[in-house]
PDB file of all heavy atoms in Angstrom:
ATOM      1  N   PHE A   1     228.936  82.261-171.708  1.00  0.00           N
ATOM      2  CA  PHE A   1     229.669  81.062-172.113  1.00  0.00           C
ATOM      3  C   PHE A   1     230.785  81.383-173.117  1.00  0.00           C
ATOM      4  O   PHE A   1     231.922  80.933-172.957  1.00  0.00           O
ATOM      5  CB  PHE A   1     228.698  80.028-172.692  1.00  0.00           C
ATOM      6  CG  PHE A   1     229.372  78.764-173.124  1.00  0.00           C
ATOM      7  CD1 PHE A   1     229.839  77.863-172.183  1.00  0.00           C
ATOM      8  CD2 PHE A   1     229.558  78.487-174.469  1.00  0.00           C
ATOM      9  CE1 PHE A   1     230.475  76.699-172.574  1.00  0.00           C
ATOM     10  CE2 PHE A   1     230.186  77.326-174.874  1.00  0.00           C
ATOM     11  CZ  PHE A   1     230.646  76.434-173.920  1.00  0.00           C
ATOM     12  N   ALA A   2     230.474  82.159-174.150  1.00  0.00           N
ATOM     13  CA  ALA A   2     231.471  82.491-175.174  1.00  0.00           C
ATOM     14  C   ALA A   2     232.642  83.249-174.562  1.00  0.00           C
ATOM     15  O   ALA A   2     233.812  82.988-174.889  1.00  0.00           O
ATOM     16  CB  ALA A   2     230.834  83.300-176.291  1.00  0.00           C
ATOM     17  N   LYS A   3     232.363  84.165-173.685  1.00  0.00           N
ATOM     18  CA  LYS A   3     233.422  84.937-173.039  1.00  0.00           C
ATOM     19  C   LYS A   3     234.269  84.037-172.146  1.00  0.00           C
ATOM     20  O   LYS A   3     235.489  84.160-172.108  1.00  0.00           O
ATOM     21  CB  LYS A   3     232.811  86.078-172.222  1.00  0.00           C
ATOM     22  CG  LYS A   3     233.831  87.025-171.651  1.00  0.00           C
ATOM     23  CD  LYS A   3     233.147  88.188-170.958  1.00  0.00           C
ATOM     24  CE  LYS A   3     234.146  89.155-170.375  1.00  0.00           C
ATOM     25  NZ  LYS A   3     233.494  90.238-169.652  1.00  0.00           N
ATOM     26  N   ARG A   4     233.639  83.099-171.451  1.00  0.00           N
ATOM     27  CA  ARG A   4     234.387  82.169-170.597  1.00  0.00           C
ATOM     28  C   ARG A   4     235.329  81.308-171.421  1.00  0.00           C
ATOM     29  O   ARG A   4     236.470  81.088-171.042  1.00  0.00           O
ATOM     30  CB  ARG A   4     233.439  81.280-169.791  1.00  0.00           C
ATOM     31  CG  ARG A   4     232.763  82.036-168.672  1.00  0.00           C
ATOM     32  CD  ARG A   4     232.000  81.112-167.792  1.00  0.00           C
ATOM     33  NE  ARG A   4     230.918  80.489-168.559  1.00  0.00           N
ATOM     34  CZ  ARG A   4     230.112  79.567-168.093  1.00  0.00           C
ATOM     35  NH1 ARG A   4     230.245  79.124-166.878  1.00  0.00           N
ATOM     36  NH2 ARG A   4     229.159  79.070-168.842  1.00  0.00           N
ATOM     37  N   ILE A   5     234.856  80.808-172.570  1.00  0.00           N
ATOM     38  CA  ILE A   5     235.700  79.995-173.442  1.00  0.00           C
ATOM     39  C   ILE A   5     236.881  80.822-173.945  1.00  0.00           C
ATOM     40  O   ILE A   5     238.023  80.365-173.950  1.00  0.00           O
ATOM     41  CB  ILE A   5     234.887  79.421-174.631  1.00  0.00           C
ATOM     42  CG1 ILE A   5     233.838  78.435-174.115  1.00  0.00           C
ATOM     43  CG2 ILE A   5     235.796  78.783-175.662  1.00  0.00           C
ATOM     44  CD1 ILE A   5     234.425  77.214-173.437  1.00  0.00           C
ATOM     45  N   PHE A   6     236.614  82.061-174.369  1.00  0.00           N
ATOM     46  CA  PHE A   6     237.672  82.954-174.847  1.00  0.00           C
ATOM     47  C   PHE A   6     238.726  83.173-173.760  1.00  0.00           C
ATOM     48  O   PHE A   6     239.923  83.070-174.009  1.00  0.00           O
ATOM     49  CB  PHE A   6     237.056  84.287-175.280  1.00  0.00           C
ATOM     50  CG  PHE A   6     238.063  85.284-175.748  1.00  0.00           C
ATOM     51  CD1 PHE A   6     238.692  85.131-176.969  1.00  0.00           C
ATOM     52  CD2 PHE A   6     238.380  86.381-174.965  1.00  0.00           C
ATOM     53  CE1 PHE A   6     239.631  86.058-177.408  1.00  0.00           C
ATOM     54  CE2 PHE A   6     239.307  87.306-175.387  1.00  0.00           C
ATOM     55  CZ  PHE A   6     239.931  87.140-176.613  1.00  0.00           C
ATOM     56  N   LEU A   7     238.293  83.443-172.542  1.00  0.00           N
ATOM     57  CA  LEU A   7     239.224  83.690-171.451  1.00  0.00           C
ATOM     58  C   LEU A   7     239.980  82.425-171.051  1.00  0.00           C
ATOM     59  O   LEU A   7     241.127  82.493-170.612  1.00  0.00           O
ATOM     60  CB  LEU A   7     238.491  84.267-170.238  1.00  0.00           C
ATOM     61  CG  LEU A   7     237.965  85.681-170.419  1.00  0.00           C
ATOM     62  CD1 LEU A   7     237.161  86.108-169.199  1.00  0.00           C
ATOM     63  CD2 LEU A   7     239.102  86.652-170.666  1.00  0.00           C
ATOM     64  N   TYR A   8     239.351  81.282-171.220  1.00  0.00           N
ATOM     65  CA  TYR A   8     240.002  80.023-170.871  1.00  0.00           C
ATOM     66  C   TYR A   8     241.184  79.752-171.805  1.00  0.00           C
ATOM     67  O   TYR A   8     242.233  79.302-171.365  1.00  0.00           O
ATOM     68  CB  TYR A   8     238.997  78.875-170.946  1.00  0.00           C
ATOM     69  CG  TYR A   8     239.588  77.532-170.622  1.00  0.00           C
ATOM     70  CD1 TYR A   8     239.861  77.171-169.304  1.00  0.00           C
ATOM     71  CD2 TYR A   8     239.890  76.625-171.631  1.00  0.00           C
ATOM     72  CE1 TYR A   8     240.412  75.943-169.000  1.00  0.00           C
ATOM     73  CE2 TYR A   8     240.452  75.392-171.337  1.00  0.00           C
ATOM     74  CZ  TYR A   8     240.708  75.053-170.028  1.00  0.00           C
ATOM     75  OH  TYR A   8     241.254  73.837-169.741  1.00  0.00           O
ATOM     76  N   TYR A   9     241.013  80.027-173.082  1.00  0.00           N
ATOM     77  CA  TYR A   9     242.061  79.747-174.057  1.00  0.00           C
ATOM     78  C   TYR A   9     243.061  80.885-174.231  1.00  0.00           C
ATOM     79  O   TYR A   9     244.129  80.694-174.790  1.00  0.00           O
ATOM     80  CB  TYR A   9     241.450  79.380-175.416  1.00  0.00           C
ATOM     81  CG  TYR A   9     240.838  78.010-175.381  1.00  0.00           C
ATOM     82  CD1 TYR A   9     239.464  77.840-175.387  1.00  0.00           C
ATOM     83  CD2 TYR A   9     241.631  76.873-175.297  1.00  0.00           C
ATOM     84  CE1 TYR A   9     238.893  76.580-175.335  1.00  0.00           C
ATOM     85  CE2 TYR A   9     241.084  75.612-175.245  1.00  0.00           C
ATOM     86  CZ  TYR A   9     239.709  75.472-175.266  1.00  0.00           C
ATOM     87  OH  TYR A   9     239.165  74.229-175.207  1.00  0.00           O
ATOM     88  N   LEU A  10     242.723  82.058-173.771  1.00  0.00           N
ATOM     89  CA  LEU A  10     243.623  83.205-173.872  1.00  0.00           C
ATOM     90  C   LEU A  10     244.658  83.130-172.749  1.00  0.00           C
ATOM     91  O   LEU A  10     244.303  83.056-171.581  1.00  0.00           O
ATOM     92  CB  LEU A  10     242.829  84.506-173.743  1.00  0.00           C
ATOM     93  CG  LEU A  10     243.597  85.807-173.814  1.00  0.00           C
ATOM     94  CD1 LEU A  10     244.113  86.015-175.229  1.00  0.00           C
ATOM     95  CD2 LEU A  10     242.702  86.958-173.407  1.00  0.00           C
ATOM     96  N   PRO A  11     245.945  83.133-173.102  1.00  0.00           N
ATOM     97  CA  PRO A  11     246.953  83.125-172.038  1.00  0.00           C
ATOM     98  C   PRO A  11     246.754  84.327-171.112  1.00  0.00           C
ATOM     99  O   PRO A  11     246.475  85.432-171.562  1.00  0.00           O
ATOM    100  CB  PRO A  11     248.281  83.233-172.798  1.00  0.00           C
ATOM    101  CG  PRO A  11     247.965  82.750-174.176  1.00  0.00           C
ATOM    102  CD  PRO A  11     246.534  83.118-174.429  1.00  0.00           C
ATOM    103  N   PHE A  12     246.851  84.092-169.854  1.00  0.00           N
ATOM    104  CA  PHE A  12     246.679  85.123-168.832  1.00  0.00           C
ATOM    105  C   PHE A  12     245.261  85.693-168.791  1.00  0.00           C
ATOM    106  O   PHE A  12     245.034  86.778-168.271  1.00  0.00           O
ATOM    107  CB  PHE A  12     247.693  86.268-169.004  1.00  0.00           C
ATOM    108  CG  PHE A  12     249.107  85.809-169.036  1.00  0.00           C
ATOM    109  CD1 PHE A  12     249.825  85.815-170.221  1.00  0.00           C
ATOM    110  CD2 PHE A  12     249.720  85.343-167.887  1.00  0.00           C
ATOM    111  CE1 PHE A  12     251.139  85.380-170.264  1.00  0.00           C
ATOM    112  CE2 PHE A  12     251.030  84.901-167.925  1.00  0.00           C
ATOM    113  CZ  PHE A  12     251.749  84.924-169.103  1.00  0.00           C
ATOM    114  N   GLY A  13     244.291  84.982-169.337  1.00  0.00           N
ATOM    115  CA  GLY A  13     242.910  85.463-169.355  1.00  0.00           C
ATOM    116  C   GLY A  13     242.354  85.674-167.968  1.00  0.00           C
ATOM    117  O   GLY A  13     241.727  86.692-167.687  1.00  0.00           O
ATOM    118  N   ARG A  14     242.578  84.708-167.090  1.00  0.00           N
ATOM    119  CA  ARG A  14     242.081  84.830-165.709  1.00  0.00           C
ATOM    120  C   ARG A  14     242.740  86.024-165.028  1.00  0.00           C
ATOM    121  O   ARG A  14     242.095  86.793-164.328  1.00  0.00           O
ATOM    122  CB  ARG A  14     242.351  83.552-164.932  1.00  0.00           C
ATOM    123  CG  ARG A  14     241.861  83.611-163.500  1.00  0.00           C
ATOM    124  CD  ARG A  14     242.117  82.317-162.768  1.00  0.00           C
ATOM    125  NE  ARG A  14     241.257  81.246-163.202  1.00  0.00           N
ATOM    126  CZ  ARG A  14     240.011  81.080-162.794  1.00  0.00           C
ATOM    127  NH1 ARG A  14     239.493  81.908-161.935  1.00  0.00           N
ATOM    128  NH2 ARG A  14     239.291  80.080-163.227  1.00  0.00           N
ATOM    129  N   TRP A  15     244.050  86.189-165.223  1.00  0.00           N
ATOM    130  CA  TRP A  15     244.750  87.318-164.622  1.00  0.00           C
ATOM    131  C   TRP A  15     244.158  88.639-165.118  1.00  0.00           C
ATOM    132  O   TRP A  15     243.968  89.565-164.341  1.00  0.00           O
ATOM    133  CB  TRP A  15     246.241  87.260-164.972  1.00  0.00           C
ATOM    134  CG  TRP A  15     246.960  88.503-164.548  1.00  0.00           C
ATOM    135  CD1 TRP A  15     247.464  88.778-163.318  1.00  0.00           C
ATOM    136  CD2 TRP A  15     247.210  89.660-165.349  1.00  0.00           C
ATOM    137  NE1 TRP A  15     248.022  90.031-163.295  1.00  0.00           N
ATOM    138  CE2 TRP A  15     247.877  90.598-164.540  1.00  0.00           C
ATOM    139  CE3 TRP A  15     246.935  89.992-166.672  1.00  0.00           C
ATOM    140  CZ2 TRP A  15     248.274  91.835-165.001  1.00  0.00           C
ATOM    141  CZ3 TRP A  15     247.331  91.228-167.132  1.00  0.00           C
ATOM    142  CH2 TRP A  15     247.994  92.140-166.302  1.00  0.00           C
ATOM    143  N   PHE A  16     243.859  88.726-166.410  1.00  0.00           N
ATOM    144  CA  PHE A  16     243.321  89.950-166.988  1.00  0.00           C
ATOM    145  C   PHE A  16     241.985  90.325-166.355  1.00  0.00           C
ATOM    146  O   PHE A  16     241.740  91.489-166.042  1.00  0.00           O
ATOM    147  CB  PHE A  16     243.162  89.797-168.502  1.00  0.00           C
ATOM    148  CG  PHE A  16     242.688  91.049-169.179  1.00  0.00           C
ATOM    149  CD1 PHE A  16     243.561  92.097-169.383  1.00  0.00           C
ATOM    150  CD2 PHE A  16     241.378  91.170-169.592  1.00  0.00           C
ATOM    151  CE1 PHE A  16     243.124  93.265-170.007  1.00  0.00           C
ATOM    152  CE2 PHE A  16     240.930  92.335-170.205  1.00  0.00           C
ATOM    153  CZ  PHE A  16     241.813  93.380-170.413  1.00  0.00           C
ATOM    154  N   VAL A  17     241.130  89.350-166.133  1.00  0.00           N
ATOM    155  CA  VAL A  17     239.817  89.608-165.549  1.00  0.00           C
ATOM    156  C   VAL A  17     239.939  90.006-164.082  1.00  0.00           C
ATOM    157  O   VAL A  17     239.262  90.909-163.611  1.00  0.00           O
ATOM    158  CB  VAL A  17     238.898  88.378-165.699  1.00  0.00           C
ATOM    159  CG1 VAL A  17     237.615  88.537-164.910  1.00  0.00           C
ATOM    160  CG2 VAL A  17     238.585  88.132-167.168  1.00  0.00           C
ATOM    161  N   TYR A  18     240.839  89.338-163.356  1.00  0.00           N
ATOM    162  CA  TYR A  18     240.917  89.524-161.905  1.00  0.00           C
ATOM    163  C   TYR A  18     242.069  90.411-161.447  1.00  0.00           C
ATOM    164  O   TYR A  18     242.337  90.503-160.259  1.00  0.00           O
ATOM    165  CB  TYR A  18     241.059  88.163-161.226  1.00  0.00           C
ATOM    166  CG  TYR A  18     239.802  87.342-161.245  1.00  0.00           C
ATOM    167  CD1 TYR A  18     239.868  85.977-161.456  1.00  0.00           C
ATOM    168  CD2 TYR A  18     238.558  87.911-161.044  1.00  0.00           C
ATOM    169  CE1 TYR A  18     238.728  85.199-161.455  1.00  0.00           C
ATOM    170  CE2 TYR A  18     237.419  87.154-161.054  1.00  0.00           C
ATOM    171  CZ  TYR A  18     237.505  85.794-161.254  1.00  0.00           C
ATOM    172  OH  TYR A  18     236.371  85.038-161.247  1.00  0.00           O
ATOM    173  N   ARG A  19     242.750  91.096-162.341  1.00  0.00           N
ATOM    174  CA  ARG A  19     243.955  91.836-161.982  1.00  0.00           C
ATOM    175  C   ARG A  19     243.733  92.926-160.933  1.00  0.00           C
ATOM    176  O   ARG A  19     244.642  93.256-160.199  1.00  0.00           O
ATOM    177  CB  ARG A  19     244.622  92.408-163.221  1.00  0.00           C
ATOM    178  CG  ARG A  19     243.851  93.538-163.876  1.00  0.00           C
ATOM    179  CD  ARG A  19     244.506  93.953-165.198  1.00  0.00           C
ATOM    180  NE  ARG A  19     243.838  95.057-165.797  1.00  0.00           N
ATOM    181  CZ  ARG A  19     242.732  94.970-166.529  1.00  0.00           C
ATOM    182  NH1 ARG A  19     242.192  93.799-166.746  1.00  0.00           N
ATOM    183  NH2 ARG A  19     242.175  96.051-167.046  1.00  0.00           N
ATOM    184  N   LYS A  20     242.553  93.494-160.849  1.00  0.00           N
ATOM    185  CA  LYS A  20     242.301  94.578-159.894  1.00  0.00           C
ATOM    186  C   LYS A  20     241.346  94.165-158.776  1.00  0.00           C
ATOM    187  O   LYS A  20     240.961  94.993-157.969  1.00  0.00           O
ATOM    188  CB  LYS A  20     241.727  95.793-160.618  1.00  0.00           C
ATOM    189  CG  LYS A  20     242.716  96.419-161.576  1.00  0.00           C
ATOM    190  CD  LYS A  20     242.154  97.643-162.234  1.00  0.00           C
ATOM    191  CE  LYS A  20     243.169  98.215-163.210  1.00  0.00           C
ATOM    192  NZ  LYS A  20     242.678  99.405-163.874  1.00  0.00           N
ATOM    193  N   VAL A  21     241.010  92.884-158.719  1.00  0.00           N
ATOM    194  CA  VAL A  21     240.078  92.403-157.714  1.00  0.00           C
ATOM    195  C   VAL A  21     240.850  91.765-156.569  1.00  0.00           C
ATOM    196  O   VAL A  21     241.810  91.040-156.793  1.00  0.00           O
ATOM    197  CB  VAL A  21     239.115  91.353-158.319  1.00  0.00           C
ATOM    198  CG1 VAL A  21     238.158  90.844-157.276  1.00  0.00           C
ATOM    199  CG2 VAL A  21     238.361  91.936-159.496  1.00  0.00           C
ATOM    200  N   THR A  22     240.448  92.073-155.356  1.00  0.00           N
ATOM    201  CA  THR A  22     241.030  91.405-154.189  1.00  0.00           C
ATOM    202  C   THR A  22     239.915  90.744-153.401  1.00  0.00           C
ATOM    203  O   THR A  22     238.776  91.228-153.389  1.00  0.00           O
ATOM    204  CB  THR A  22     241.769  92.404-153.276  1.00  0.00           C
ATOM    205  OG1 THR A  22     240.859  93.415-152.854  1.00  0.00           O
ATOM    206  CG2 THR A  22     242.942  93.039-153.989  1.00  0.00           C
ATOM    207  N   TRP A  23     240.241  89.645-152.793  1.00  0.00           N
ATOM    208  CA  TRP A  23     239.257  88.920-151.985  1.00  0.00           C
ATOM    209  C   TRP A  23     239.706  88.953-150.542  1.00  0.00           C
ATOM    210  O   TRP A  23     240.892  88.800-150.236  1.00  0.00           O
ATOM    211  CB  TRP A  23     239.140  87.471-152.466  1.00  0.00           C
ATOM    212  CG  TRP A  23     238.496  87.403-153.801  1.00  0.00           C
ATOM    213  CD1 TRP A  23     237.158  87.351-154.050  1.00  0.00           C
ATOM    214  CD2 TRP A  23     239.128  87.430-155.067  1.00  0.00           C
ATOM    215  NE1 TRP A  23     236.931  87.347-155.406  1.00  0.00           N
ATOM    216  CE2 TRP A  23     238.134  87.390-156.058  1.00  0.00           C
ATOM    217  CE3 TRP A  23     240.453  87.476-155.485  1.00  0.00           C
ATOM    218  CZ2 TRP A  23     238.408  87.386-157.412  1.00  0.00           C
ATOM    219  CZ3 TRP A  23     240.738  87.488-156.835  1.00  0.00           C
ATOM    220  CH2 TRP A  23     239.715  87.441-157.774  1.00  0.00           C
ATOM    221  N   GLN A  24     238.735  89.141-149.663  1.00  0.00           N
ATOM    222  CA  GLN A  24     239.045  89.158-148.247  1.00  0.00           C
ATOM    223  C   GLN A  24     239.481  87.762-147.813  1.00  0.00           C
ATOM    224  O   GLN A  24     238.904  86.771-148.235  1.00  0.00           O
ATOM    225  CB  GLN A  24     237.830  89.592-147.435  1.00  0.00           C
ATOM    226  CG  GLN A  24     237.473  91.027-147.601  1.00  0.00           C
ATOM    227  CD  GLN A  24     236.350  91.430-146.667  1.00  0.00           C
ATOM    228  OE1 GLN A  24     235.904  90.675-145.824  1.00  0.00           O
ATOM    229  NE2 GLN A  24     235.881  92.647-146.832  1.00  0.00           N
ATOM    230  N   PRO A  25     240.499  87.684-146.986  1.00  0.00           N
ATOM    231  CA  PRO A  25     240.942  86.367-146.545  1.00  0.00           C
ATOM    232  C   PRO A  25     240.013  85.791-145.478  1.00  0.00           C
ATOM    233  O   PRO A  25     239.418  86.509-144.689  1.00  0.00           O
ATOM    234  CB  PRO A  25     242.328  86.634-145.965  1.00  0.00           C
ATOM    235  CG  PRO A  25     242.317  88.067-145.573  1.00  0.00           C
ATOM    236  CD  PRO A  25     241.378  88.756-146.523  1.00  0.00           C
ATOM    237  N   ILE A  26     239.883  84.493-145.536  1.00  0.00           N
ATOM    238  CA  ILE A  26     239.217  83.727-144.485  1.00  0.00           C
ATOM    239  C   ILE A  26     240.314  82.856-143.888  1.00  0.00           C
ATOM    240  O   ILE A  26     241.106  82.272-144.618  1.00  0.00           O
ATOM    241  CB  ILE A  26     238.131  82.809-145.070  1.00  0.00           C
ATOM    242  CG1 ILE A  26     237.015  83.616-145.687  1.00  0.00           C
ATOM    243  CG2 ILE A  26     237.586  81.872-144.004  1.00  0.00           C
ATOM    244  CD1 ILE A  26     235.984  82.754-146.396  1.00  0.00           C
ATOM    245  N   ILE A  27     240.373  82.776-142.572  1.00  0.00           N
ATOM    246  CA  ILE A  27     241.348  81.888-141.948  1.00  0.00           C
ATOM    247  C   ILE A  27     240.603  80.728-141.281  1.00  0.00           C
ATOM    248  O   ILE A  27     239.405  80.817-141.010  1.00  0.00           O
ATOM    249  CB  ILE A  27     242.254  82.626-140.938  1.00  0.00           C
ATOM    250  CG1 ILE A  27     241.445  83.268-139.821  1.00  0.00           C
ATOM    251  CG2 ILE A  27     243.118  83.652-141.646  1.00  0.00           C
ATOM    252  CD1 ILE A  27     242.291  83.851-138.704  1.00  0.00           C
ATOM    253  N   LEU A  28     241.318  79.650-141.067  1.00  0.00           N
ATOM    254  CA  LEU A  28     240.692  78.466-140.488  1.00  0.00           C
ATOM    255  C   LEU A  28     240.088  78.744-139.117  1.00  0.00           C
ATOM    256  O   LEU A  28     239.102  78.115-138.739  1.00  0.00           O
ATOM    257  CB  LEU A  28     241.698  77.323-140.409  1.00  0.00           C
ATOM    258  CG  LEU A  28     242.169  76.774-141.754  1.00  0.00           C
ATOM    259  CD1 LEU A  28     243.130  75.626-141.548  1.00  0.00           C
ATOM    260  CD2 LEU A  28     240.995  76.334-142.615  1.00  0.00           C
ATOM    261  N   ALA A  29     240.640  79.704-138.379  1.00  0.00           N
ATOM    262  CA  ALA A  29     240.062  80.069-137.078  1.00  0.00           C
ATOM    263  C   ALA A  29     238.633  80.597-137.247  1.00  0.00           C
ATOM    264  O   ALA A  29     237.761  80.330-136.408  1.00  0.00           O
ATOM    265  CB  ALA A  29     240.935  81.100-136.383  1.00  0.00           C
ATOM    266  N   GLN A  30     238.368  81.336-138.332  1.00  0.00           N
ATOM    267  CA  GLN A  30     237.009  81.824-138.595  1.00  0.00           C
ATOM    268  C   GLN A  30     236.069  80.669-138.907  1.00  0.00           C
ATOM    269  O   GLN A  30     234.910  80.670-138.493  1.00  0.00           O
ATOM    270  CB  GLN A  30     237.003  82.808-139.770  1.00  0.00           C
ATOM    271  CG  GLN A  30     237.639  84.139-139.466  1.00  0.00           C
ATOM    272  CD  GLN A  30     237.733  84.969-140.719  1.00  0.00           C
ATOM    273  OE1 GLN A  30     238.549  84.691-141.584  1.00  0.00           O
ATOM    274  NE2 GLN A  30     236.904  85.997-140.815  1.00  0.00           N
ATOM    275  N   ILE A  31     236.568  79.700-139.655  1.00  0.00           N
ATOM    276  CA  ILE A  31     235.753  78.533-139.987  1.00  0.00           C
ATOM    277  C   ILE A  31     235.456  77.744-138.724  1.00  0.00           C
ATOM    278  O   ILE A  31     234.319  77.307-138.502  1.00  0.00           O
ATOM    279  CB  ILE A  31     236.455  77.672-141.058  1.00  0.00           C
ATOM    280  CG1 ILE A  31     236.549  78.463-142.368  1.00  0.00           C
ATOM    281  CG2 ILE A  31     235.735  76.346-141.254  1.00  0.00           C
ATOM    282  CD1 ILE A  31     237.402  77.822-143.433  1.00  0.00           C
ATOM    283  N   ASP A  32     236.448  77.579-137.862  1.00  0.00           N
ATOM    284  CA  ASP A  32     236.253  76.894-136.589  1.00  0.00           C
ATOM    285  C   ASP A  32     235.225  77.635-135.726  1.00  0.00           C
ATOM    286  O   ASP A  32     234.361  77.010-135.104  1.00  0.00           O
ATOM    287  CB  ASP A  32     237.590  76.771-135.858  1.00  0.00           C
ATOM    288  CG  ASP A  32     237.491  75.948-134.598  1.00  0.00           C
ATOM    289  OD1 ASP A  32     236.987  74.803-134.678  1.00  0.00           O
ATOM    290  OD2 ASP A  32     237.917  76.441-133.529  1.00  0.00           O
TER     291      ASP A  32
END
């Protein structure tokens, strides 16, 4: 919780945490 609050108020906090992470794309055809 404390770390989440810190990252929420820190400018670019989300970017800093996720800067090297990539997520596989899902397309609507897969959902269909």
